[in-house]
Amino acid sequence: MLTASYSRRRCVNLDKLIRMANEIARNLRTQPGDQAVVGTADHIRSFWTPGMRASLIAHAREHGDGLDPIAMQALRLLSTG
């Protein structure tokens, strides 16, 4: 059984991951074409741990609340390849 403390930490951690992914997407937003999506995906693939990626990909698959559209597309790209 999960404790309330574990569940709360997981939510806070997810909030941080969403914020970080959105910041990456915003920083790359001015890139032409699909480069913002590809660049966001590349950054997450290169610098995030597998656990961080898996948590955010699972969130994106469930509903993706709070994710920037570029971040959401990047996570879809990561989940397919």
Protein backbone atom coordinates (compact mmCIF):
# COMPACT_ATOMS: atom_id res chain seq x y z
CA MET A 1 0.00 0.00 0.00
CA LEU A 2 1.29 3.47 -0.87
CA THR A 3 1.60 5.92 1.93
CA ALA A 4 0.23 9.46 1.70
CA SER A 5 3.78 10.77 1.96
CA TYR A 6 4.92 8.70 -1.05
CA SER A 7 1.91 9.80 -3.08
CA ARG A 8 2.51 13.46 -2.20
CA ARG A 9 6.22 13.20 -3.17
CA ARG A 10 5.25 11.58 -6.46
CA CYS A 11 2.86 14.46 -7.25
CA VAL A 12 5.46 17.08 -6.35
CA ASN A 13 8.05 15.27 -8.46
CA LEU A 14 5.64 15.06 -11.39
CA ASP A 15 4.89 18.77 -11.05
CA LYS A 16 8.62 19.49 -11.25
CA LEU A 17 9.03 17.27 -14.31
CA ILE A 18 6.14 19.02 -16.05
CA ARG A 19 7.63 22.41 -15.23
CA MET A 20 11.07 21.39 -16.53
CA ALA A 21 9.69 19.89 -19.75
CA ASN A 22 7.62 23.02 -20.35
CA GLU A 23 10.68 25.24 -19.79
CA ILE A 24 12.66 23.26 -22.36
CA ALA A 25 9.78 23.51 -24.83
CA ARG A 26 9.42 27.26 -24.28
CA ASN A 27 13.15 27.80 -24.80
CA LEU A 28 13.01 25.95 -28.13
CA ARG A 29 9.65 27.33 -29.31
CA THR A 30 11.25 29.70 -31.84
CA GLN A 31 12.96 26.87 -33.74
CA PRO A 32 11.57 26.38 -37.26
CA GLY A 33 9.32 23.51 -38.27
CA ASP A 34 9.35 20.52 -35.96
CA GLN A 35 12.79 21.37 -34.54
CA ALA A 36 11.27 22.55 -31.26
CA VAL A 37 9.61 19.16 -30.74
CA VAL A 38 12.69 17.20 -31.83
CA GLY A 39 14.99 19.41 -29.74
CA THR A 40 12.81 19.01 -26.66
CA ALA A 41 12.74 15.23 -27.14
CA ASP A 42 16.51 15.12 -27.68
CA HIS A 43 17.14 17.13 -24.52
CA ILE A 44 14.89 14.90 -22.41
CA ARG A 45 16.44 11.74 -23.94
CA SER A 46 19.99 12.99 -23.35
CA PHE A 47 19.79 14.55 -19.91
CA TRP A 48 16.93 12.96 -18.00
CA THR A 49 17.11 9.65 -16.18
CA PRO A 50 15.03 6.75 -17.51
CA GLY A 51 12.75 7.06 -14.48
CA MET A 52 12.11 10.75 -15.09
CA ARG A 53 11.30 10.06 -18.75
CA ALA A 54 9.03 7.13 -17.90
CA SER A 55 7.08 9.13 -15.33
CA LEU A 56 6.42 11.99 -17.70
CA ILE A 57 5.63 9.72 -20.68
CA ALA A 58 3.09 7.87 -18.50
CA HIS A 59 1.56 11.21 -17.50
CA ALA A 60 1.35 12.27 -21.15
CA ARG A 61 -0.34 8.98 -22.08
CA GLU A 62 -2.90 9.33 -19.29
CA HIS A 63 -4.00 12.90 -19.96
CA GLY A 64 -1.00 15.23 -20.13
CA ASP A 65 -2.52 17.91 -17.92
CA GLY A 66 -0.24 20.91 -17.59
CA LEU A 67 2.07 20.02 -20.48
CA ASP A 68 2.95 22.55 -23.14
CA PRO A 69 1.87 21.29 -26.60
CA ILE A 70 5.51 21.10 -27.73
CA ALA A 71 6.44 19.09 -24.64
CA MET A 72 3.46 16.81 -25.22
CA GLN A 73 4.51 16.15 -28.82
CA ALA A 74 8.10 15.54 -27.70
CA LEU A 75 6.93 12.96 -25.17
CA ARG A 76 4.84 11.21 -27.84
CA LEU A 77 7.94 11.13 -30.03
CA LEU A 78 9.97 9.61 -27.17
CA SER A 79 7.32 7.01 -26.43
CA THR A 80 7.32 5.75 -30.03
CA GLY A 81 11.03 5.59 -30.57
